[in-house]
Amino acid sequence: MKDKNLPLDNDPSSLEELTDKANQIIESLENEKDLNNSIENYQKLLKLNNIIEKKFHKSFKFISEETNRKVKEIIKKK
């Protein structure tokens, strides 16, 4: 899947809200009898997964940078 096909990752939803949406799509896919009807929902799930992954990586990067900054401040004080 190309990035240009993905929705913008500036979705205001939290990771928890996005995870809930993904779980709802998964439930509907599990209950679907006709696989032909599942294609659109499966594609939505893939896009949603990419958004969640990007948000997770942004959060991880922010936490890592903040931790490094605080460690450097503590070292400077010594």
PDB file of N, CA and C in Angstrom:
ATOM      1  N   MET A   1       0.848  -1.171   0.000  1.00  0.00           N
ATOM      2  CA  MET A   1       0.000   0.000   0.000  1.00  0.00           C
ATOM      3  C   MET A   1       0.895   1.236   0.000  1.00  0.00           C
ATOM      4  N   LYS A   2       0.620   2.148  -0.892  1.00  0.00           N
ATOM      5  CA  LYS A   2       1.445   3.344  -1.010  1.00  0.00           C
ATOM      6  C   LYS A   2       0.994   4.389  -0.005  1.00  0.00           C
ATOM      7  N   ASP A   3       1.972   5.201   0.440  1.00  0.00           N
ATOM      8  CA  ASP A   3       1.661   6.230   1.429  1.00  0.00           C
ATOM      9  C   ASP A   3       0.652   7.242   0.918  1.00  0.00           C
ATOM     10  N   LYS A   4       0.648   7.502  -0.381  1.00  0.00           N
ATOM     11  CA  LYS A   4      -0.292   8.499  -0.887  1.00  0.00           C
ATOM     12  C   LYS A   4      -1.746   8.038  -0.760  1.00  0.00           C
ATOM     13  N   ASN A   5      -1.951   6.744  -0.618  1.00  0.00           N
ATOM     14  CA  ASN A   5      -3.299   6.205  -0.437  1.00  0.00           C
ATOM     15  C   ASN A   5      -3.742   6.207   1.014  1.00  0.00           C
ATOM     16  N   LEU A   6      -2.811   6.495   1.908  1.00  0.00           N
ATOM     17  CA  LEU A   6      -3.128   6.469   3.333  1.00  0.00           C
ATOM     18  C   LEU A   6      -3.755   7.788   3.758  1.00  0.00           C
ATOM     19  N   PRO A   7      -4.674   7.736   4.713  1.00  0.00           N
ATOM     20  CA  PRO A   7      -5.201   8.984   5.264  1.00  0.00           C
ATOM     21  C   PRO A   7      -4.101   9.701   6.045  1.00  0.00           C
ATOM     22  N   LEU A   8      -4.284  10.982   6.244  1.00  0.00           N
ATOM     23  CA  LEU A   8      -3.292  11.757   6.977  1.00  0.00           C
ATOM     24  C   LEU A   8      -3.145  11.220   8.385  1.00  0.00           C
ATOM     25  N   ASP A   9      -1.919  11.227   8.891  1.00  0.00           N
ATOM     26  CA  ASP A   9      -1.699  10.682  10.231  1.00  0.00           C
ATOM     27  C   ASP A   9      -1.891  11.749  11.300  1.00  0.00           C
ATOM     28  N   ASN A  10      -2.457  12.890  10.935  1.00  0.00           N
ATOM     29  CA  ASN A  10      -2.744  13.919  11.934  1.00  0.00           C
ATOM     30  C   ASN A  10      -4.172  13.755  12.459  1.00  0.00           C
ATOM     31  N   ASP A  11      -4.649  12.538  12.442  1.00  0.00           N
ATOM     32  CA  ASP A  11      -5.959  12.192  12.974  1.00  0.00           C
ATOM     33  C   ASP A  11      -5.997  12.588  14.449  1.00  0.00           C
ATOM     34  N   PRO A  12      -6.998  13.373  14.843  1.00  0.00           N
ATOM     35  CA  PRO A  12      -7.045  13.848  16.229  1.00  0.00           C
ATOM     36  C   PRO A  12      -7.389  12.758  17.252  1.00  0.00           C
ATOM     37  N   SER A  13      -7.742  11.585  16.775  1.00  0.00           N
ATOM     38  CA  SER A  13      -8.111  10.492  17.683  1.00  0.00           C
ATOM     39  C   SER A  13      -6.897  10.004  18.453  1.00  0.00           C
ATOM     40  N   SER A  14      -7.150   9.548  19.665  1.00  0.00           N
ATOM     41  CA  SER A  14      -6.077   8.990  20.492  1.00  0.00           C
ATOM     42  C   SER A  14      -5.792   7.560  20.032  1.00  0.00           C
ATOM     43  N   LEU A  15      -4.683   7.016  20.505  1.00  0.00           N
ATOM     44  CA  LEU A  15      -4.358   5.636  20.184  1.00  0.00           C
ATOM     45  C   LEU A  15      -5.448   4.681  20.665  1.00  0.00           C
ATOM     46  N   GLU A  16      -6.017   4.988  21.822  1.00  0.00           N
ATOM     47  CA  GLU A  16      -7.078   4.125  22.360  1.00  0.00           C
ATOM     48  C   GLU A  16      -8.315   4.151  21.462  1.00  0.00           C
ATOM     49  N   GLU A  17      -8.685   5.353  20.995  1.00  0.00           N
ATOM     50  CA  GLU A  17      -9.852   5.465  20.116  1.00  0.00           C
ATOM     51  C   GLU A  17      -9.611   4.740  18.792  1.00  0.00           C
ATOM     52  N   LEU A  18      -8.411   4.886  18.248  1.00  0.00           N
ATOM     53  CA  LEU A  18      -8.081   4.211  16.998  1.00  0.00           C
ATOM     54  C   LEU A  18      -8.078   2.695  17.183  1.00  0.00           C
ATOM     55  N   THR A  19      -7.591   2.239  18.316  1.00  0.00           N
ATOM     56  CA  THR A  19      -7.591   0.804  18.605  1.00  0.00           C
ATOM     57  C   THR A  19      -9.020   0.284  18.725  1.00  0.00           C
ATOM     58  N   ASP A  20      -9.893   1.065  19.347  1.00  0.00           N
ATOM     59  CA  ASP A  20     -11.307   0.671  19.446  1.00  0.00           C
ATOM     60  C   ASP A  20     -11.935   0.552  18.055  1.00  0.00           C
ATOM     61  N   LYS A  21     -11.633   1.519  17.170  1.00  0.00           N
ATOM     62  CA  LYS A  21     -12.150   1.465  15.798  1.00  0.00           C
ATOM     63  C   LYS A  21     -11.654   0.204  15.096  1.00  0.00           C
ATOM     64  N   ALA A  22     -10.365  -0.103  15.282  1.00  0.00           N
ATOM     65  CA  ALA A  22      -9.796  -1.302  14.658  1.00  0.00           C
ATOM     66  C   ALA A  22     -10.488  -2.555  15.186  1.00  0.00           C
ATOM     67  N   ASN A  23     -10.736  -2.606  16.487  1.00  0.00           N
ATOM     68  CA  ASN A  23     -11.420  -3.766  17.071  1.00  0.00           C
ATOM     69  C   ASN A  23     -12.838  -3.922  16.523  1.00  0.00           C
ATOM     70  N   GLN A  24     -13.526  -2.807  16.296  1.00  0.00           N
ATOM     71  CA  GLN A  24     -14.870  -2.861  15.718  1.00  0.00           C
ATOM     72  C   GLN A  24     -14.825  -3.429  14.302  1.00  0.00           C
ATOM     73  N   ILE A  25     -13.845  -2.999  13.520  1.00  0.00           N
ATOM     74  CA  ILE A  25     -13.709  -3.506  12.151  1.00  0.00           C
ATOM     75  C   ILE A  25     -13.386  -4.995  12.182  1.00  0.00           C
ATOM     76  N   ILE A  26     -12.513  -5.404  13.095  1.00  0.00           N
ATOM     77  CA  ILE A  26     -12.159  -6.821  13.214  1.00  0.00           C
ATOM     78  C   ILE A  26     -13.392  -7.653  13.553  1.00  0.00           C
ATOM     79  N   GLU A  27     -14.213  -7.154  14.481  1.00  0.00           N
ATOM     80  CA  GLU A  27     -15.448  -7.878  14.836  1.00  0.00           C
ATOM     81  C   GLU A  27     -16.369  -8.022  13.636  1.00  0.00           C
ATOM     82  N   SER A  28     -16.515  -6.942  12.859  1.00  0.00           N
ATOM     83  CA  SER A  28     -17.401  -7.022  11.694  1.00  0.00           C
ATOM     84  C   SER A  28     -16.832  -7.979  10.653  1.00  0.00           C
ATOM     85  N   LEU A  29     -15.503  -8.013  10.512  1.00  0.00           N
ATOM     86  CA  LEU A  29     -14.886  -8.955   9.572  1.00  0.00           C
ATOM     87  C   LEU A  29     -15.096 -10.400  10.029  1.00  0.00           C
ATOM     88  N   GLU A  30     -14.992 -10.633  11.323  1.00  0.00           N
ATOM     89  CA  GLU A  30     -15.185 -11.985  11.847  1.00  0.00           C
ATOM     90  C   GLU A  30     -16.616 -12.465  11.658  1.00  0.00           C
ATOM     91  N   ASN A  31     -17.579 -11.552  11.690  1.00  0.00           N
ATOM     92  CA  ASN A  31     -18.988 -11.921  11.571  1.00  0.00           C
ATOM     93  C   ASN A  31     -19.473 -11.977  10.129  1.00  0.00           C
ATOM     94  N   GLU A  32     -18.678 -11.506   9.190  1.00  0.00           N
ATOM     95  CA  GLU A  32     -19.071 -11.464   7.781  1.00  0.00           C
ATOM     96  C   GLU A  32     -18.985 -12.855   7.170  1.00  0.00           C
ATOM     97  N   LYS A  33     -20.047 -13.257   6.520  1.00  0.00           N
ATOM     98  CA  LYS A  33     -20.092 -14.574   5.885  1.00  0.00           C
ATOM     99  C   LYS A  33     -19.514 -14.529   4.468  1.00  0.00           C
ATOM    100  N   ASP A  34     -19.773 -13.441   3.748  1.00  0.00           N
ATOM    101  CA  ASP A  34     -19.332 -13.303   2.357  1.00  0.00           C
ATOM    102  C   ASP A  34     -18.030 -12.511   2.314  1.00  0.00           C
ATOM    103  N   LEU A  35     -16.953 -13.155   1.930  1.00  0.00           N
ATOM    104  CA  LEU A  35     -15.645 -12.505   1.920  1.00  0.00           C
ATOM    105  C   LEU A  35     -15.565 -11.345   0.932  1.00  0.00           C
ATOM    106  N   ASN A  36     -16.369 -11.362  -0.103  1.00  0.00           N
ATOM    107  CA  ASN A  36     -16.357 -10.261  -1.072  1.00  0.00           C
ATOM    108  C   ASN A  36     -16.798  -8.951  -0.428  1.00  0.00           C
ATOM    109  N   ASN A  37     -17.646  -9.037   0.573  1.00  0.00           N
ATOM    110  CA  ASN A  37     -18.103  -7.841   1.282  1.00  0.00           C
ATOM    111  C   ASN A  37     -17.058  -7.339   2.286  1.00  0.00           C
ATOM    112  N   SER A  38     -16.057  -8.125   2.540  1.00  0.00           N
ATOM    113  CA  SER A  38     -15.059  -7.793   3.550  1.00  0.00           C
ATOM    114  C   SER A  38     -13.893  -6.972   3.017  1.00  0.00           C
ATOM    115  N   ILE A  39     -13.743  -6.888   1.724  1.00  0.00           N
ATOM    116  CA  ILE A  39     -12.569  -6.243   1.128  1.00  0.00           C
ATOM    117  C   ILE A  39     -12.435  -4.798   1.575  1.00  0.00           C
ATOM    118  N   GLU A  40     -13.513  -4.047   1.519  1.00  0.00           N
ATOM    119  CA  GLU A  40     -13.455  -2.624   1.894  1.00  0.00           C
ATOM    120  C   GLU A  40     -13.090  -2.460   3.376  1.00  0.00           C
ATOM    121  N   ASN A  41     -13.711  -3.260   4.241  1.00  0.00           N
ATOM    122  CA  ASN A  41     -13.392  -3.189   5.673  1.00  0.00           C
ATOM    123  C   ASN A  41     -11.954  -3.611   5.951  1.00  0.00           C
ATOM    124  N   TYR A  42     -11.472  -4.598   5.225  1.00  0.00           N
ATOM    125  CA  TYR A  42     -10.098  -5.044   5.410  1.00  0.00           C
ATOM    126  C   TYR A  42      -9.131  -3.925   5.015  1.00  0.00           C
ATOM    127  N   GLN A  43      -9.421  -3.220   3.921  1.00  0.00           N
ATOM    128  CA  GLN A  43      -8.574  -2.108   3.500  1.00  0.00           C
ATOM    129  C   GLN A  43      -8.606  -0.971   4.519  1.00  0.00           C
ATOM    130  N   LYS A  44      -9.780  -0.716   5.093  1.00  0.00           N
ATOM    131  CA  LYS A  44      -9.883   0.295   6.155  1.00  0.00           C
ATOM    132  C   LYS A  44      -9.027  -0.104   7.354  1.00  0.00           C
ATOM    133  N   LEU A  45      -9.061  -1.386   7.685  1.00  0.00           N
ATOM    134  CA  LEU A  45      -8.282  -1.889   8.812  1.00  0.00           C
ATOM    135  C   LEU A  45      -6.783  -1.718   8.564  1.00  0.00           C
ATOM    136  N   LEU A  46      -6.343  -1.987   7.351  1.00  0.00           N
ATOM    137  CA  LEU A  46      -4.931  -1.805   7.016  1.00  0.00           C
ATOM    138  C   LEU A  46      -4.513  -0.343   7.145  1.00  0.00           C
ATOM    139  N   LYS A  47      -5.338   0.557   6.655  1.00  0.00           N
ATOM    140  CA  LYS A  47      -5.039   1.990   6.764  1.00  0.00           C
ATOM    141  C   LYS A  47      -5.015   2.423   8.233  1.00  0.00           C
ATOM    142  N   LEU A  48      -5.982   1.954   8.979  1.00  0.00           N
ATOM    143  CA  LEU A  48      -6.059   2.287  10.403  1.00  0.00           C
ATOM    144  C   LEU A  48      -4.838   1.751  11.152  1.00  0.00           C
ATOM    145  N   ASN A  49      -4.409   0.567  10.798  1.00  0.00           N
ATOM    146  CA  ASN A  49      -3.221  -0.013  11.405  1.00  0.00           C
ATOM    147  C   ASN A  49      -1.993   0.864  11.133  1.00  0.00           C
ATOM    148  N   ASN A  50      -1.863   1.370   9.924  1.00  0.00           N
ATOM    149  CA  ASN A  50      -0.737   2.239   9.599  1.00  0.00           C
ATOM    150  C   ASN A  50      -0.781   3.545  10.379  1.00  0.00           C
ATOM    151  N   ILE A  51      -1.969   4.091  10.566  1.00  0.00           N
ATOM    152  CA  ILE A  51      -2.119   5.321  11.345  1.00  0.00           C
ATOM    153  C   ILE A  51      -1.709   5.058  12.796  1.00  0.00           C
ATOM    154  N   ILE A  52      -2.186   3.941  13.355  1.00  0.00           N
ATOM    155  CA  ILE A  52      -1.846   3.575  14.737  1.00  0.00           C
ATOM    156  C   ILE A  52      -0.336   3.405  14.870  1.00  0.00           C
ATOM    157  N   GLU A  53       0.265   2.737  13.908  1.00  0.00           N
ATOM    158  CA  GLU A  53       1.709   2.509  13.956  1.00  0.00           C
ATOM    159  C   GLU A  53       2.477   3.828  13.914  1.00  0.00           C
ATOM    160  N   LYS A  54       2.075   4.753  13.055  1.00  0.00           N
ATOM    161  CA  LYS A  54       2.750   6.053  12.973  1.00  0.00           C
ATOM    162  C   LYS A  54       2.599   6.832  14.271  1.00  0.00           C
ATOM    163  N   LYS A  55       1.393   6.829  14.840  1.00  0.00           N
ATOM    164  CA  LYS A  55       1.169   7.532  16.103  1.00  0.00           C
ATOM    165  C   LYS A  55       2.001   6.908  17.223  1.00  0.00           C
ATOM    166  N   PHE A  56       2.074   5.597  17.240  1.00  0.00           N
ATOM    167  CA  PHE A  56       2.866   4.905  18.244  1.00  0.00           C
ATOM    168  C   PHE A  56       4.337   5.301  18.130  1.00  0.00           C
ATOM    169  N   HIS A  57       4.854   5.311  16.896  1.00  0.00           N
ATOM    170  CA  HIS A  57       6.258   5.679  16.695  1.00  0.00           C
ATOM    171  C   HIS A  57       6.523   7.131  17.083  1.00  0.00           C
ATOM    172  N   LYS A  58       5.579   8.023  16.811  1.00  0.00           N
ATOM    173  CA  LYS A  58       5.730   9.422  17.227  1.00  0.00           C
ATOM    174  C   LYS A  58       5.790   9.524  18.748  1.00  0.00           C
ATOM    175  N   SER A  59       4.896   8.806  19.417  1.00  0.00           N
ATOM    176  CA  SER A  59       4.867   8.823  20.876  1.00  0.00           C
ATOM    177  C   SER A  59       6.149   8.240  21.444  1.00  0.00           C
ATOM    178  N   PHE A  60       6.606   7.148  20.875  1.00  0.00           N
ATOM    179  CA  PHE A  60       7.830   6.508  21.327  1.00  0.00           C
ATOM    180  C   PHE A  60       9.020   7.451  21.157  1.00  0.00           C
ATOM    181  N   LYS A  61       9.083   8.117  20.020  1.00  0.00           N
ATOM    182  CA  LYS A  61      10.182   9.049  19.757  1.00  0.00           C
ATOM    183  C   LYS A  61      10.150  10.208  20.755  1.00  0.00           C
ATOM    184  N   PHE A  62       8.965  10.745  21.016  1.00  0.00           N
ATOM    185  CA  PHE A  62       8.829  11.851  21.957  1.00  0.00           C
ATOM    186  C   PHE A  62       9.280  11.427  23.354  1.00  0.00           C
ATOM    187  N   ILE A  63       8.832  10.267  23.800  1.00  0.00           N
ATOM    188  CA  ILE A  63       9.203   9.772  25.131  1.00  0.00           C
ATOM    189  C   ILE A  63      10.717   9.555  25.214  1.00  0.00           C
ATOM    190  N   SER A  64      11.298   8.998  24.174  1.00  0.00           N
ATOM    191  CA  SER A  64      12.748   8.763  24.160  1.00  0.00           C
ATOM    192  C   SER A  64      13.519  10.074  24.230  1.00  0.00           C
ATOM    193  N   GLU A  65      13.085  11.065  23.460  1.00  0.00           N
ATOM    194  CA  GLU A  65      13.770  12.361  23.465  1.00  0.00           C
ATOM    195  C   GLU A  65      13.656  13.042  24.825  1.00  0.00           C
ATOM    196  N   GLU A  66      12.476  12.983  25.425  1.00  0.00           N
ATOM    197  CA  GLU A  66      12.274  13.587  26.743  1.00  0.00           C
ATOM    198  C   GLU A  66      13.120  12.889  27.807  1.00  0.00           C
ATOM    199  N   THR A  67      13.178  11.585  27.736  1.00  0.00           N
ATOM    200  CA  THR A  67      13.982  10.823  28.696  1.00  0.00           C
ATOM    201  C   THR A  67      15.458  11.187  28.549  1.00  0.00           C
ATOM    202  N   ASN A  68      15.937  11.237  27.330  1.00  0.00           N
ATOM    203  CA  ASN A  68      17.338  11.605  27.097  1.00  0.00           C
ATOM    204  C   ASN A  68      17.625  13.014  27.600  1.00  0.00           C
ATOM    205  N   ARG A  69      16.714  13.927  27.361  1.00  0.00           N
ATOM    206  CA  ARG A  69      16.893  15.313  27.805  1.00  0.00           C
ATOM    207  C   ARG A  69      16.969  15.370  29.327  1.00  0.00           C
ATOM    208  N   LYS A  70      16.088  14.654  30.006  1.00  0.00           N
ATOM    209  CA  LYS A  70      16.081  14.654  31.471  1.00  0.00           C
ATOM    210  C   LYS A  70      17.327  13.998  32.043  1.00  0.00           C
ATOM    211  N   VAL A  71      17.783  12.938  31.413  1.00  0.00           N
ATOM    212  CA  VAL A  71      19.009  12.277  31.873  1.00  0.00           C
ATOM    213  C   VAL A  71      20.195  13.242  31.733  1.00  0.00           C
ATOM    214  N   LYS A  72      20.259  13.957  30.621  1.00  0.00           N
ATOM    215  CA  LYS A  72      21.351  14.917  30.422  1.00  0.00           C
ATOM    216  C   LYS A  72      21.304  16.038  31.464  1.00  0.00           C
ATOM    217  N   GLU A  73      20.099  16.475  31.802  1.00  0.00           N
ATOM    218  CA  GLU A  73      19.962  17.509  32.840  1.00  0.00           C
ATOM    219  C   GLU A  73      20.461  17.000  34.201  1.00  0.00           C
ATOM    220  N   ILE A  74      20.122  15.773  34.515  1.00  0.00           N
ATOM    221  CA  ILE A  74      20.563  15.182  35.777  1.00  0.00           C
ATOM    222  C   ILE A  74      22.073  15.052  35.796  1.00  0.00           C
ATOM    223  N   ILE A  75      22.662  14.634  34.704  1.00  0.00           N
ATOM    224  CA  ILE A  75      24.120  14.479  34.630  1.00  0.00           C
ATOM    225  C   ILE A  75      24.805  15.833  34.787  1.00  0.00           C
ATOM    226  N   LYS A  76      24.242  16.877  34.185  1.00  0.00           N
ATOM    227  CA  LYS A  76      24.836  18.219  34.292  1.00  0.00           C
ATOM    228  C   LYS A  76      24.841  18.724  35.730  1.00  0.00           C
ATOM    229  N   LYS A  77      23.831  18.353  36.509  1.00  0.00           N
ATOM    230  CA  LYS A  77      23.709  18.828  37.886  1.00  0.00           C
ATOM    231  C   LYS A  77      24.787  18.220  38.775  1.00  0.00           C
ATOM    232  N   LYS A  78      25.330  17.098  38.398  1.00  0.00           N
ATOM    233  CA  LYS A  78      26.322  16.412  39.227  1.00  0.00           C
ATOM    234  C   LYS A  78      27.630  17.048  39.028  1.00  0.00           C
TER     235      LYS A  78
END
